[in-house]
Amino acid sequence: MTCKTPDCTNPIENRDKGLCASCGKAIRDAEKKALKEKKKYVIPKVSKKRKTDNSEYMKLKAEFMIGKVCPIYPHLPVKDIHHTKGRTGELLMNTDYWLAVSRKGHIKITNNPSWSIKNGYSLPRT
């Protein structure tokens, strides 16, 4: 008996499937390739909701910083917004808890949490 694949004249080696060795290997290789080509899902770095929030946030931030002076280093230009109570949830857009600071001032606030709470630059996150 010969292999049941069209155009193959090799003798059958696998009686269960009726295939010769080379045709059986070709079918197994095709199955492996199909498994490898499965598209992997990549988790987005920013969610769709956060992406729209960020664009709105950037507009609010630009408006908020106009005419502000850094309370820590008044001679440096204001570049950042420090969120005194954090950025989670609705606090991201709540300008009541924003503080316009220079980059150097922002680094000082984040690196010295007890000092910044003591001086009123940060609030407890409760």
N, C-alpha and C. Protein backbone atom coordinates (compact mmCIF):
# COMPACT_ATOMS: atom_id res chain seq x y z
N MET A 1 0.84 -1.19 0.00
CA MET A 1 0.00 0.00 0.00
C MET A 1 0.88 1.24 0.00
N THR A 2 0.32 2.28 -0.62
CA THR A 2 1.06 3.54 -0.67
C THR A 2 0.36 4.58 0.18
N CYS A 3 1.10 5.65 0.42
CA CYS A 3 0.62 6.78 1.25
C CYS A 3 -0.68 7.34 0.67
N LYS A 4 -1.58 7.79 1.56
CA LYS A 4 -2.87 8.30 1.08
C LYS A 4 -2.85 9.78 0.69
N THR A 5 -1.67 10.42 0.82
CA THR A 5 -1.57 11.81 0.38
C THR A 5 -1.48 11.83 -1.14
N PRO A 6 -2.11 12.81 -1.79
CA PRO A 6 -2.06 12.85 -3.26
C PRO A 6 -0.60 13.01 -3.75
N ASP A 7 -0.30 12.42 -4.85
CA ASP A 7 1.01 12.50 -5.51
C ASP A 7 2.15 11.86 -4.71
N CYS A 8 1.87 11.05 -3.72
CA CYS A 8 2.92 10.39 -2.94
C CYS A 8 2.86 8.89 -3.24
N THR A 9 4.00 8.32 -3.56
CA THR A 9 4.06 6.89 -3.90
C THR A 9 4.85 6.09 -2.87
N ASN A 10 5.20 6.70 -1.75
CA ASN A 10 5.97 6.01 -0.71
C ASN A 10 5.09 4.99 0.01
N PRO A 11 5.70 3.94 0.55
CA PRO A 11 4.91 2.95 1.29
C PRO A 11 4.45 3.51 2.64
N ILE A 12 3.32 3.01 3.12
CA ILE A 12 2.75 3.45 4.39
C ILE A 12 3.63 2.94 5.54
N GLU A 13 3.95 3.85 6.47
CA GLU A 13 4.69 3.46 7.67
C GLU A 13 3.82 3.61 8.91
N ASN A 14 2.89 4.56 8.89
CA ASN A 14 1.98 4.75 10.01
C ASN A 14 0.61 4.21 9.59
N ARG A 15 0.28 3.02 10.06
CA ARG A 15 -0.96 2.36 9.62
C ARG A 15 -2.21 3.07 10.15
N ASP A 16 -2.10 3.74 11.34
CA ASP A 16 -3.27 4.43 11.91
C ASP A 16 -3.72 5.58 11.02
N LYS A 17 -2.75 6.32 10.52
CA LYS A 17 -3.09 7.51 9.72
C LYS A 17 -2.97 7.24 8.23
N GLY A 18 -2.31 6.18 7.85
CA GLY A 18 -2.16 5.85 6.43
C GLY A 18 -1.19 6.75 5.71
N LEU A 19 -0.14 7.18 6.42
CA LEU A 19 0.83 8.11 5.83
C LEU A 19 2.22 7.49 5.82
N CYS A 20 3.04 7.98 4.88
CA CYS A 20 4.45 7.61 4.90
C CYS A 20 5.17 8.51 5.89
N ALA A 21 6.43 8.25 6.17
CA ALA A 21 7.19 9.01 7.17
C ALA A 21 7.34 10.48 6.77
N SER A 22 7.65 10.74 5.52
CA SER A 22 7.89 12.12 5.10
C SER A 22 6.60 12.95 5.10
N CYS A 23 5.49 12.35 4.69
CA CYS A 23 4.22 13.09 4.71
C CYS A 23 3.75 13.33 6.15
N GLY A 24 3.95 12.34 7.02
CA GLY A 24 3.59 12.51 8.43
C GLY A 24 4.38 13.63 9.08
N LYS A 25 5.70 13.70 8.76
CA LYS A 25 6.55 14.77 9.30
C LYS A 25 6.10 16.13 8.77
N ALA A 26 5.75 16.21 7.50
CA ALA A 26 5.31 17.47 6.91
C ALA A 26 4.04 17.97 7.59
N ILE A 27 3.12 17.05 7.88
CA ILE A 27 1.88 17.43 8.55
C ILE A 27 2.16 17.89 9.99
N ARG A 28 3.05 17.18 10.70
CA ARG A 28 3.40 17.58 12.08
C ARG A 28 4.09 18.94 12.09
N ASP A 29 4.97 19.18 11.13
CA ASP A 29 5.66 20.47 11.04
C ASP A 29 4.67 21.60 10.77
N ALA A 30 3.70 21.36 9.92
CA ALA A 30 2.69 22.38 9.62
C ALA A 30 1.85 22.69 10.87
N GLU A 31 1.54 21.66 11.66
CA GLU A 31 0.78 21.88 12.90
C GLU A 31 1.59 22.69 13.90
N LYS A 32 2.89 22.39 14.03
CA LYS A 32 3.76 23.15 14.95
C LYS A 32 3.86 24.61 14.52
N LYS A 33 4.00 24.81 13.21
CA LYS A 33 4.12 26.17 12.69
C LYS A 33 2.85 26.97 12.97
N ALA A 34 1.71 26.33 12.83
CA ALA A 34 0.43 27.00 13.09
C ALA A 34 0.33 27.41 14.56
N LEU A 35 0.85 26.58 15.46
CA LEU A 35 0.83 26.91 16.89
C LEU A 35 1.77 28.06 17.20
N LYS A 36 2.94 28.08 16.57
CA LYS A 36 3.92 29.14 16.81
C LYS A 36 3.45 30.48 16.29
N GLU A 37 2.69 30.48 15.20
CA GLU A 37 2.26 31.73 14.57
C GLU A 37 1.07 32.38 15.27
N LYS A 38 0.63 31.79 16.36
CA LYS A 38 -0.48 32.36 17.10
C LYS A 38 -0.08 33.74 17.61
N LYS A 39 -0.90 34.73 17.31
CA LYS A 39 -0.58 36.11 17.68
C LYS A 39 -0.71 36.28 19.20
N LYS A 40 0.33 36.85 19.78
CA LYS A 40 0.32 37.09 21.22
C LYS A 40 -0.35 38.43 21.51
N TYR A 41 -1.12 38.47 22.58
CA TYR A 41 -1.77 39.70 22.99
C TYR A 41 -0.80 40.53 23.82
N VAL A 42 -0.63 41.77 23.46
CA VAL A 42 0.26 42.67 24.18
C VAL A 42 -0.61 43.60 25.02
N ILE A 43 -0.33 43.63 26.32
CA ILE A 43 -1.08 44.51 27.22
C ILE A 43 -0.64 45.95 26.97
N PRO A 44 -1.59 46.85 26.68
CA PRO A 44 -1.22 48.25 26.42
C PRO A 44 -0.61 48.91 27.66
N LYS A 45 0.36 49.80 27.44
CA LYS A 45 0.99 50.50 28.55
C LYS A 45 0.03 51.49 29.19
N VAL A 46 -0.87 52.05 28.40
CA VAL A 46 -1.86 53.01 28.90
C VAL A 46 -3.23 52.55 28.42
N SER A 47 -4.19 52.51 29.34
CA SER A 47 -5.54 52.09 28.96
C SER A 47 -6.20 53.16 28.10
N LYS A 48 -7.28 52.79 27.41
CA LYS A 48 -7.99 53.74 26.56
C LYS A 48 -8.55 54.90 27.38
N LYS A 49 -9.09 54.58 28.56
CA LYS A 49 -9.66 55.61 29.43
C LYS A 49 -8.57 56.57 29.90
N ARG A 50 -7.43 56.00 30.33
CA ARG A 50 -6.34 56.84 30.83
C ARG A 50 -5.76 57.69 29.71
N LYS A 51 -5.77 57.19 28.48
CA LYS A 51 -5.25 57.94 27.34
C LYS A 51 -6.08 59.21 27.12
N THR A 52 -7.41 59.08 27.21
CA THR A 52 -8.27 60.26 27.04
C THR A 52 -8.12 61.20 28.24
N ASP A 53 -7.98 60.61 29.45
CA ASP A 53 -7.77 61.44 30.65
C ASP A 53 -6.46 62.21 30.54
N ASN A 54 -5.41 61.57 30.02
CA ASN A 54 -4.11 62.23 29.90
C ASN A 54 -4.16 63.42 28.96
N SER A 55 -4.89 63.32 27.87
CA SER A 55 -4.97 64.46 26.94
C SER A 55 -5.70 65.63 27.60
N GLU A 56 -6.76 65.33 28.33
CA GLU A 56 -7.48 66.39 29.06
C GLU A 56 -6.59 66.97 30.17
N TYR A 57 -5.85 66.09 30.84
CA TYR A 57 -4.95 66.50 31.92
C TYR A 57 -3.88 67.46 31.42
N MET A 58 -3.32 67.17 30.24
CA MET A 58 -2.26 68.03 29.70
C MET A 58 -2.78 69.44 29.42
N LYS A 59 -4.03 69.54 28.96
CA LYS A 59 -4.62 70.87 28.71
C LYS A 59 -4.82 71.62 30.02
N LEU A 60 -5.38 70.92 31.03
CA LEU A 60 -5.59 71.54 32.34
C LEU A 60 -4.26 71.97 32.96
N LYS A 61 -3.25 71.13 32.83
CA LYS A 61 -1.93 71.40 33.40
C LYS A 61 -1.33 72.66 32.79
N ALA A 62 -1.42 72.79 31.46
CA ALA A 62 -0.87 73.97 30.78
C ALA A 62 -1.56 75.25 31.26
N GLU A 63 -2.88 75.20 31.41
CA GLU A 63 -3.62 76.37 31.89
C GLU A 63 -3.28 76.69 33.34
N PHE A 64 -3.13 75.65 34.16
CA PHE A 64 -2.88 75.82 35.59
C PHE A 64 -1.52 76.45 35.86
N MET A 65 -0.52 76.14 35.05
CA MET A 65 0.85 76.60 35.32
C MET A 65 1.09 78.06 34.91
N ILE A 66 0.17 78.63 34.15
CA ILE A 66 0.36 80.00 33.68
C ILE A 66 0.43 80.96 34.87
N GLY A 67 1.51 81.75 34.93
CA GLY A 67 1.68 82.77 35.95
C GLY A 67 2.02 82.25 37.33
N LYS A 68 2.33 80.96 37.49
CA LYS A 68 2.66 80.39 38.81
C LYS A 68 4.16 80.50 39.07
N VAL A 69 4.50 80.55 40.37
CA VAL A 69 5.90 80.61 40.81
C VAL A 69 6.14 79.41 41.72
N CYS A 70 7.30 78.79 41.57
CA CYS A 70 7.64 77.62 42.40
C CYS A 70 7.81 78.07 43.84
N PRO A 71 7.08 77.44 44.79
CA PRO A 71 7.20 77.84 46.19
C PRO A 71 8.52 77.42 46.85
N ILE A 72 9.22 76.47 46.28
CA ILE A 72 10.47 75.99 46.87
C ILE A 72 11.67 76.72 46.29
N TYR A 73 11.71 76.82 44.97
CA TYR A 73 12.78 77.53 44.27
C TYR A 73 12.15 78.60 43.38
N PRO A 74 11.85 79.80 43.92
CA PRO A 74 11.15 80.83 43.14
C PRO A 74 11.90 81.32 41.91
N HIS A 75 13.21 81.14 41.88
CA HIS A 75 14.00 81.61 40.74
C HIS A 75 13.96 80.63 39.55
N LEU A 76 13.44 79.40 39.76
CA LEU A 76 13.36 78.41 38.68
C LEU A 76 11.97 78.43 38.04
N PRO A 77 11.91 78.14 36.73
CA PRO A 77 10.60 78.13 36.05
C PRO A 77 9.74 76.93 36.45
N VAL A 78 8.45 77.14 36.48
CA VAL A 78 7.50 76.07 36.82
C VAL A 78 7.39 75.13 35.63
N LYS A 79 7.62 73.84 35.87
CA LYS A 79 7.57 72.83 34.81
C LYS A 79 6.63 71.67 35.14
N ASP A 80 6.40 71.43 36.43
CA ASP A 80 5.65 70.24 36.87
C ASP A 80 4.45 70.61 37.72
N ILE A 81 3.57 69.64 37.84
CA ILE A 81 2.46 69.72 38.79
C ILE A 81 2.69 68.64 39.83
N HIS A 82 2.75 69.05 41.09
CA HIS A 82 2.84 68.06 42.17
C HIS A 82 1.42 67.84 42.69
N HIS A 83 1.02 66.58 42.74
CA HIS A 83 -0.30 66.23 43.26
C HIS A 83 -0.14 65.98 44.76
N THR A 84 -0.57 66.94 45.55
CA THR A 84 -0.32 66.88 46.98
C THR A 84 -0.99 65.70 47.66
N LYS A 85 -2.06 65.20 47.09
CA LYS A 85 -2.78 64.08 47.70
C LYS A 85 -2.72 62.82 46.82
N GLY A 86 -1.92 62.85 45.75
CA GLY A 86 -1.79 61.70 44.86
C GLY A 86 -2.54 61.91 43.56
N ARG A 87 -2.43 60.91 42.65
CA ARG A 87 -3.03 61.03 41.31
C ARG A 87 -4.10 59.99 41.05
N THR A 88 -4.44 59.18 42.02
CA THR A 88 -5.37 58.08 41.77
C THR A 88 -6.81 58.57 41.61
N GLY A 89 -7.52 57.89 40.73
CA GLY A 89 -8.95 58.18 40.53
C GLY A 89 -9.22 59.61 40.11
N GLU A 90 -10.13 60.24 40.82
CA GLU A 90 -10.56 61.60 40.48
C GLU A 90 -9.55 62.66 40.91
N LEU A 91 -8.56 62.30 41.71
CA LEU A 91 -7.56 63.27 42.16
C LEU A 91 -6.67 63.74 41.01
N LEU A 92 -6.61 62.99 39.93
CA LEU A 92 -5.78 63.39 38.78
C LEU A 92 -6.23 64.73 38.23
N MET A 93 -7.53 64.95 38.16
CA MET A 93 -8.07 66.18 37.57
C MET A 93 -8.48 67.23 38.61
N ASN A 94 -8.38 66.92 39.89
CA ASN A 94 -8.82 67.83 40.94
C ASN A 94 -7.73 68.88 41.20
N THR A 95 -7.91 70.09 40.69
CA THR A 95 -6.90 71.14 40.81
C THR A 95 -6.78 71.68 42.23
N ASP A 96 -7.70 71.31 43.13
CA ASP A 96 -7.59 71.76 44.52
C ASP A 96 -6.35 71.18 45.19
N TYR A 97 -5.89 70.04 44.70
CA TYR A 97 -4.73 69.37 45.29
C TYR A 97 -3.50 69.45 44.40
N TRP A 98 -3.44 70.42 43.50
CA TRP A 98 -2.30 70.60 42.62
C TRP A 98 -1.39 71.69 43.18
N LEU A 99 -0.10 71.53 42.92
CA LEU A 99 0.89 72.53 43.31
C LEU A 99 1.87 72.68 42.14
N ALA A 100 1.96 73.88 41.58
CA ALA A 100 2.87 74.13 40.46
C ALA A 100 4.28 74.32 41.01
N VAL A 101 5.21 73.48 40.56
CA VAL A 101 6.59 73.52 41.06
C VAL A 101 7.58 73.37 39.91
N SER A 102 8.83 73.74 40.20
CA SER A 102 9.91 73.51 39.24
C SER A 102 10.29 72.04 39.30
N ARG A 103 11.06 71.60 38.32
CA ARG A 103 11.47 70.19 38.30
C ARG A 103 12.31 69.87 39.54
N LYS A 104 13.23 70.75 39.89
CA LYS A 104 14.09 70.54 41.06
C LYS A 104 13.26 70.53 42.34
N GLY A 105 12.25 71.41 42.41
CA GLY A 105 11.37 71.44 43.58
C GLY A 105 10.55 70.16 43.69
N HIS A 106 10.10 69.64 42.56
CA HIS A 106 9.31 68.41 42.55
C HIS A 106 10.15 67.22 43.04
N ILE A 107 11.40 67.17 42.60
CA ILE A 107 12.30 66.10 43.04
C ILE A 107 12.53 66.20 44.55
N LYS A 108 12.70 67.41 45.06
CA LYS A 108 12.90 67.59 46.50
C LYS A 108 11.67 67.14 47.28
N ILE A 109 10.48 67.45 46.79
CA ILE A 109 9.24 67.04 47.47
C ILE A 109 9.11 65.52 47.49
N THR A 110 9.35 64.87 46.36
CA THR A 110 9.17 63.41 46.31
C THR A 110 10.27 62.66 47.04
N ASN A 111 11.47 63.19 47.09
CA ASN A 111 12.57 62.51 47.79
C ASN A 111 12.54 62.73 49.30
N ASN A 112 11.81 63.72 49.79
CA ASN A 112 11.74 64.02 51.23
C ASN A 112 10.29 64.07 51.68
N PRO A 113 9.60 62.93 51.77
CA PRO A 113 8.17 62.94 52.08
C PRO A 113 7.83 63.54 53.44
N SER A 114 8.62 63.26 54.47
CA SER A 114 8.30 63.82 55.80
C SER A 114 8.48 65.33 55.80
N TRP A 115 9.51 65.83 55.13
CA TRP A 115 9.74 67.27 55.03
C TRP A 115 8.60 67.94 54.26
N SER A 116 8.17 67.29 53.16
CA SER A 116 7.12 67.91 52.33
C SER A 116 5.77 67.92 53.05
N ILE A 117 5.48 66.90 53.85
CA ILE A 117 4.23 66.89 54.64
C ILE A 117 4.30 67.96 55.72
N LYS A 118 5.46 68.06 56.38
CA LYS A 118 5.66 69.05 57.44
C LYS A 118 5.49 70.48 56.92
N ASN A 119 5.95 70.73 55.70
CA ASN A 119 5.87 72.07 55.11
C ASN A 119 4.61 72.31 54.29
N GLY A 120 3.74 71.32 54.21
CA GLY A 120 2.46 71.50 53.53
C GLY A 120 2.50 71.28 52.04
N TYR A 121 3.60 70.73 51.49
CA TYR A 121 3.69 70.47 50.07
C TYR A 121 3.02 69.14 49.69
N SER A 122 2.82 68.26 50.65
CA SER A 122 2.12 67.00 50.45
C SER A 122 1.12 66.80 51.57
N LEU A 123 0.06 66.04 51.26
CA LEU A 123 -0.97 65.75 52.25
C LEU A 123 -1.03 64.24 52.48
N PRO A 124 -1.47 63.80 53.65
CA PRO A 124 -1.63 62.36 53.88
C PRO A 124 -2.63 61.78 52.90
N ARG A 125 -2.36 60.58 52.40
CA ARG A 125 -3.21 59.95 51.38
C ARG A 125 -4.22 59.00 52.01
N THR A 126 -5.17 59.59 52.70
CA THR A 126 -6.22 58.78 53.34
C THR A 126 -7.56 59.05 52.74
